[in-house]
Amino acid sequence: MSLVSMNAFLPQAKEKKFAVGQFNMNNLEFAQAIMEAAIELKSPFIYGVSEGALKYMGIEYTVAIAEAAAKASGLPIALHLDHGSSFEVAMKCIRAGFSSVMFDGSHHSFEENIRLTKEVVKAARAMGVSVEGELGTIGGVEDDISVDEKNANLAKPSEAIRFYEETGVDCLAIAVGTAHGMYAGEPNIRFDIIEEVSRAIPVPVVLHGGSGVPDEMIRRAVQVGVGKINVNTENQVACTDAIRAALAKDSKVYDPRKYLGPARTAMVEVVKSKILLFGSNNQA
């Protein structure tokens, strides 16, 4: 099966009230772990790739790995640019074979965010590529993107609705109280904002910063309109913990397969738990 746009499964997610996970691909082991979990649970999924990960892996290798996973698994898989910073970056990814892109114009003014996002949507739609937009700013750290918690701004429902109406994005990330990275305490998610926006637009709301959010909050978010949830940090933590444990157990280990194998296995379990929590199992 070829890579697909997020429109191959997000409309069903909104209709049936489940969410599809975006799991970031940081290297081959991440890609394999995500795919293995999804195959077992028959779930669609999204490979998220940040600009930092693109620089690390190389765009050609990134696309080749995702295409190999789609072919081997037979699952509906989207390869998605996460937090694309410009029209040019989004177009570079589309030309390389990405099936979905996010344009993050949240650091621009509201009007400029709309204008730039519309340009991305127009070009992407002509290529059959889905687009995610973002409104409001999400706190925390992800790759080289850092937003202090006090500078995180919640999305206004009226602006989010207008943003969708003017841009026509395929899903909309709105700042509702989550943050990138792990939480020091319990997040304060504004479910009322999610519900008001979701009722007014026909596409799913996206929840960034899904790592570490209590399960009951995730379930509630899905029920009120979240159809895509991003997870990265929990996989990174599981990967690194497994590597540390393998090296601590035997200081003479030098074959990377001896510690990357357990890391991959640890990530499979994380992804499986998220798929079951999001309710996307048996939806492929």
Protein backbone atom coordinates (compact mmCIF):
# COMPACT_ATOMS: atom_id res chain seq x y z
CA MET A 1 0.00 0.00 0.00
CA SER A 2 1.18 3.53 -0.75
CA LEU A 3 1.34 6.34 1.77
CA VAL A 4 -2.02 8.10 2.15
CA SER A 5 -3.14 11.55 3.23
CA MET A 6 -4.76 11.92 6.62
CA ASN A 7 -8.09 12.22 4.83
CA ALA A 8 -7.97 8.44 4.38
CA PHE A 9 -8.91 8.04 8.06
CA LEU A 10 -9.52 11.34 9.90
CA PRO A 11 -13.12 11.78 8.68
CA GLN A 12 -13.96 8.33 10.07
CA ALA A 13 -12.17 9.20 13.30
CA LYS A 14 -14.39 12.23 13.80
CA GLU A 15 -17.54 10.35 12.87
CA LYS A 16 -16.82 7.28 15.03
CA LYS A 17 -15.18 9.19 17.90
CA PHE A 18 -11.73 7.68 17.93
CA ALA A 19 -8.35 9.34 17.45
CA VAL A 20 -5.44 8.41 15.23
CA GLY A 21 -2.01 8.68 16.77
CA GLN A 22 0.80 10.69 15.30
CA PHE A 23 3.98 9.01 16.49
CA ASN A 24 7.17 10.82 15.64
CA MET A 25 9.76 9.00 13.56
CA ASN A 26 13.23 9.82 14.88
CA ASN A 27 15.14 6.90 13.39
CA LEU A 28 14.63 3.40 11.96
CA GLU A 29 13.84 1.82 15.34
CA PHE A 30 11.06 4.33 15.99
CA ALA A 31 9.58 3.63 12.56
CA GLN A 32 9.72 -0.13 13.05
CA ALA A 33 8.24 -0.02 16.55
CA ILE A 34 5.32 2.15 15.50
CA MET A 35 4.57 -0.06 12.51
CA GLU A 36 4.83 -3.30 14.53
CA ALA A 37 2.35 -2.05 17.12
CA ALA A 38 -0.08 -0.83 14.46
CA ILE A 39 0.05 -4.10 12.54
CA GLU A 40 -0.78 -6.08 15.66
CA LEU A 41 -3.73 -3.84 16.51
CA LYS A 42 -4.86 -3.12 12.92
CA SER A 43 -4.66 0.63 13.31
CA PRO A 44 -4.03 3.51 10.92
CA PHE A 45 -1.32 5.86 12.08
CA ILE A 46 0.70 8.94 11.22
CA TYR A 47 4.47 9.17 11.09
CA GLY A 48 5.26 12.65 12.37
CA VAL A 49 8.56 14.14 11.25
CA SER A 50 9.85 17.41 12.64
CA GLU A 51 12.26 19.65 10.78
CA GLY A 52 14.91 18.62 13.29
CA ALA A 53 14.34 14.94 12.54
CA LEU A 54 14.52 15.68 8.82
CA LYS A 55 17.93 17.25 9.29
CA TYR A 56 19.04 14.25 11.33
CA MET A 57 17.77 11.48 9.04
CA GLY A 58 17.76 13.17 5.64
CA ILE A 59 14.56 13.64 3.68
CA GLU A 60 15.26 10.83 1.19
CA TYR A 61 15.85 8.26 3.94
CA THR A 62 12.78 9.49 5.83
CA VAL A 63 10.47 9.03 2.85
CA ALA A 64 12.03 5.68 1.93
CA ILE A 65 11.49 4.29 5.44
CA ALA A 66 7.86 5.44 5.53
CA GLU A 67 7.16 4.06 2.07
CA ALA A 68 8.70 0.72 3.04
CA ALA A 69 6.49 0.60 6.15
CA ALA A 70 3.36 1.35 4.12
CA LYS A 71 4.23 -1.38 1.61
CA ALA A 72 5.16 -3.97 4.24
CA SER A 73 2.23 -3.33 6.57
CA GLY A 74 -0.64 -2.76 4.15
CA LEU A 75 -1.94 -0.20 6.63
CA PRO A 76 -3.14 3.33 5.87
CA ILE A 77 -0.09 5.38 6.90
CA ALA A 78 0.39 9.11 6.48
CA LEU A 79 3.85 10.68 6.42
CA HIS A 80 3.34 14.08 8.01
CA LEU A 81 5.57 17.12 8.39
CA ASP A 82 5.21 18.23 12.02
CA HIS A 83 5.36 21.97 12.79
CA GLY A 84 6.44 23.04 9.33
CA SER A 85 7.81 26.55 9.65
CA SER A 86 7.33 27.85 6.11
CA PHE A 87 5.62 27.37 2.76
CA GLU A 88 9.00 26.41 1.30
CA VAL A 89 9.61 23.62 3.82
CA ALA A 90 6.11 22.24 3.27
CA MET A 91 6.59 22.21 -0.51
CA LYS A 92 9.99 20.54 -0.19
CA CYS A 93 8.38 17.74 1.81
CA ILE A 94 5.49 17.36 -0.62
CA ARG A 95 7.87 17.14 -3.57
CA ALA A 96 9.90 14.50 -1.71
CA GLY A 97 6.86 12.28 -1.13
CA PHE A 98 5.21 13.36 2.13
CA SER A 99 1.48 12.69 2.06
CA SER A 100 0.59 15.29 4.69
CA VAL A 101 2.04 18.51 6.07
CA MET A 102 1.48 20.80 9.00
CA PHE A 103 2.00 24.51 8.58
CA ASP A 104 2.53 26.08 11.97
CA GLY A 105 1.82 29.77 11.55
CA SER A 106 0.91 30.24 15.20
CA HIS A 107 3.85 32.60 15.75
CA HIS A 108 2.42 34.97 13.13
CA SER A 109 -0.51 37.32 13.62
CA PHE A 110 -3.94 35.74 13.24
CA GLU A 111 -4.52 37.29 9.81
CA GLU A 112 -1.06 36.36 8.55
CA ASN A 113 -1.48 32.81 9.84
CA ILE A 114 -4.67 32.53 7.80
CA ARG A 115 -3.03 33.96 4.68
CA LEU A 116 0.01 31.69 4.81
CA THR A 117 -1.99 28.58 5.70
CA LYS A 118 -4.33 29.19 2.75
CA GLU A 119 -1.31 29.19 0.43
CA VAL A 120 -0.13 25.85 1.79
CA VAL A 121 -3.62 24.34 1.55
CA LYS A 122 -4.05 25.47 -2.07
CA ALA A 123 -0.75 23.94 -3.17
CA ALA A 124 -1.09 20.77 -1.09
CA ARG A 125 -4.65 20.05 -2.15
CA ALA A 126 -3.58 20.10 -5.80
CA MET A 127 -1.18 17.26 -4.93
CA GLY A 128 -3.66 15.23 -2.86
CA VAL A 129 -1.79 16.09 0.34
CA SER A 130 -3.59 16.86 3.61
CA VAL A 131 -2.83 19.92 5.71
CA GLU A 132 -2.93 20.58 9.45
CA GLY A 133 -3.06 24.15 10.72
CA GLU A 134 -2.38 25.51 14.18
CA LEU A 135 -3.93 28.27 16.24
CA GLY A 136 -2.69 29.44 19.61
CA THR A 137 0.72 28.54 21.01
CA ILE A 138 1.51 25.30 22.81
CA GLY A 139 4.01 25.42 25.64
CA GLY A 140 6.99 23.16 26.26
CA VAL A 141 9.94 22.01 24.17
CA GLU A 142 9.92 19.92 21.00
CA ASP A 143 13.13 19.66 18.96
CA ASP A 144 14.36 23.24 18.58
CA ILE A 145 10.90 24.73 19.26
CA SER A 146 10.64 26.12 22.78
CA VAL A 147 7.70 28.07 24.20
CA ASP A 148 7.74 29.13 27.84
CA GLU A 149 4.56 28.09 29.63
CA LYS A 150 3.69 31.70 30.50
CA ASN A 151 3.81 32.57 26.80
CA ALA A 152 1.50 29.76 25.72
CA ASN A 153 -1.77 31.23 24.47
CA LEU A 154 -5.04 29.31 24.41
CA ALA A 155 -6.99 29.34 21.17
CA LYS A 156 -10.19 31.40 21.06
CA PRO A 157 -13.09 29.27 19.75
CA SER A 158 -14.45 32.04 17.52
CA GLU A 159 -11.04 32.54 15.91
CA ALA A 160 -10.52 28.79 15.49
CA ILE A 161 -13.85 28.47 13.69
CA ARG A 162 -13.07 31.40 11.41
CA PHE A 163 -9.58 30.02 10.81
CA TYR A 164 -11.06 26.74 9.55
CA GLU A 165 -13.69 28.48 7.43
CA GLU A 166 -11.09 30.64 5.67
CA THR A 167 -8.30 28.07 5.26
CA GLY A 168 -10.12 24.77 4.74
CA VAL A 169 -7.46 22.76 6.59
CA ASP A 170 -8.05 19.03 7.01
CA CYS A 171 -7.51 19.13 10.77
CA LEU A 172 -6.85 21.90 13.25
CA ALA A 173 -4.43 21.97 16.15
CA ILE A 174 -5.60 24.38 18.83
CA ALA A 175 -3.86 25.29 22.06
CA VAL A 176 -6.08 23.99 24.88
CA GLY A 177 -3.66 23.58 27.79
CA THR A 178 -1.40 20.71 26.76
CA ALA A 179 2.37 21.09 26.32
CA HIS A 180 5.20 19.46 24.42
CA GLY A 181 7.38 17.21 26.57
CA MET A 182 6.48 15.60 29.89
CA TYR A 183 4.38 17.38 32.52
CA ALA A 184 5.63 18.41 35.94
CA GLY A 185 2.03 18.26 37.20
CA GLU A 186 -1.37 17.45 35.74
CA PRO A 187 -2.29 19.44 32.62
CA ASN A 188 -5.34 21.69 32.66
CA ILE A 189 -7.06 20.85 29.38
CA ARG A 190 -9.87 23.14 28.25
CA PHE A 191 -12.39 20.57 27.06
CA ASP A 192 -14.96 23.33 26.58
CA ILE A 193 -12.81 24.90 23.86
CA ILE A 194 -12.36 21.56 22.10
CA GLU A 195 -16.08 20.84 22.19
CA GLU A 196 -17.16 24.28 20.98
CA VAL A 197 -14.75 24.22 18.04
CA SER A 198 -15.41 20.60 17.14
CA ARG A 199 -19.17 21.13 17.02
CA ALA A 200 -18.74 24.01 14.58
CA ILE A 201 -16.26 22.52 12.09
CA PRO A 202 -16.43 19.26 10.09
CA VAL A 203 -12.79 18.25 10.63
CA PRO A 204 -11.09 16.86 13.75
CA VAL A 205 -9.30 18.87 16.39
CA VAL A 206 -5.66 17.89 16.98
CA LEU A 207 -4.18 17.48 20.45
CA HIS A 208 -0.45 18.24 20.58
CA GLY A 209 1.54 17.30 23.65
CA GLY A 210 -0.20 13.95 24.20
CA SER A 211 2.67 12.40 26.16
CA GLY A 212 1.95 12.13 29.86
CA VAL A 213 -1.67 13.27 29.70
CA PRO A 214 -3.78 11.10 32.07
CA ASP A 215 -5.80 8.43 30.26
CA GLU A 216 -9.16 9.74 31.45
CA MET A 217 -8.34 13.16 29.98
CA ILE A 218 -7.41 11.61 26.65
CA ARG A 219 -10.67 9.65 26.54
CA ARG A 220 -12.68 12.77 27.31
CA ALA A 221 -10.81 14.79 24.68
CA VAL A 222 -11.61 12.17 22.04
CA GLN A 223 -15.27 12.15 23.01
CA VAL A 224 -15.56 15.93 22.60
CA GLY A 225 -13.88 16.07 19.21
CA VAL A 226 -10.15 15.29 19.15
CA GLY A 227 -9.37 13.01 16.20
CA LYS A 228 -5.57 13.19 16.07
CA ILE A 229 -3.19 12.99 19.03
CA ASN A 230 0.55 13.56 18.89
CA VAL A 231 2.90 11.40 20.94
CA ASN A 232 6.68 11.61 20.92
CA THR A 233 8.23 12.15 24.34
CA GLU A 234 6.89 8.92 25.86
CA ASN A 235 8.51 6.94 23.07
CA GLN A 236 11.76 8.84 23.51
CA VAL A 237 11.77 8.16 27.24
CA ALA A 238 11.00 4.45 26.77
CA CYS A 239 13.72 4.17 24.13
CA THR A 240 16.37 5.87 26.25
CA ASP A 241 15.45 4.02 29.45
CA ALA A 242 15.80 0.68 27.65
CA ILE A 243 19.18 1.65 26.22
CA ARG A 244 20.43 2.79 29.63
CA ALA A 245 19.25 -0.48 31.21
CA ALA A 246 20.93 -2.62 28.53
CA LEU A 247 24.25 -0.79 28.88
CA ALA A 248 24.10 -0.86 32.67
CA LYS A 249 23.50 -4.61 32.61
CA ASP A 250 26.57 -5.28 30.49
CA SER A 251 29.21 -2.55 30.15
CA LYS A 252 31.01 -4.58 27.47
CA VAL A 253 28.16 -4.32 24.97
CA TYR A 254 29.21 -2.52 21.78
CA ASP A 255 26.87 -3.98 19.16
CA PRO A 256 24.11 -1.35 18.76
CA ARG A 257 21.58 -4.05 17.98
CA LYS A 258 21.97 -5.32 21.53
CA TYR A 259 20.61 -2.09 23.01
CA LEU A 260 18.52 -0.73 20.13
CA GLY A 261 16.55 -4.00 19.97
CA PRO A 262 15.26 -3.65 23.55
CA ALA A 263 14.61 0.04 22.90
CA ARG A 264 12.44 -0.85 19.92
CA THR A 265 10.53 -3.43 21.96
CA ALA A 266 9.88 -0.85 24.69
CA MET A 267 8.46 1.59 22.15
CA VAL A 268 6.16 -1.07 20.69
CA GLU A 269 4.48 -1.35 24.07
CA VAL A 270 4.07 2.42 24.37
CA VAL A 271 2.49 2.69 20.93
CA LYS A 272 0.16 -0.26 21.54
CA SER A 273 -1.07 1.32 24.76
CA LYS A 274 -1.78 4.59 22.95
CA ILE A 275 -3.59 2.94 20.05
CA LEU A 276 -5.88 1.15 22.50
CA LEU A 277 -6.40 4.34 24.49
CA PHE A 278 -7.24 6.36 21.37
CA GLY A 279 -9.62 3.65 20.12
CA SER A 280 -8.05 3.35 16.66
CA ASN A 281 -7.48 -0.40 16.92
CA ASN A 282 -9.34 -2.42 14.27
CA GLN A 283 -10.01 0.77 12.28
CA ALA A 284 -7.52 0.05 9.47
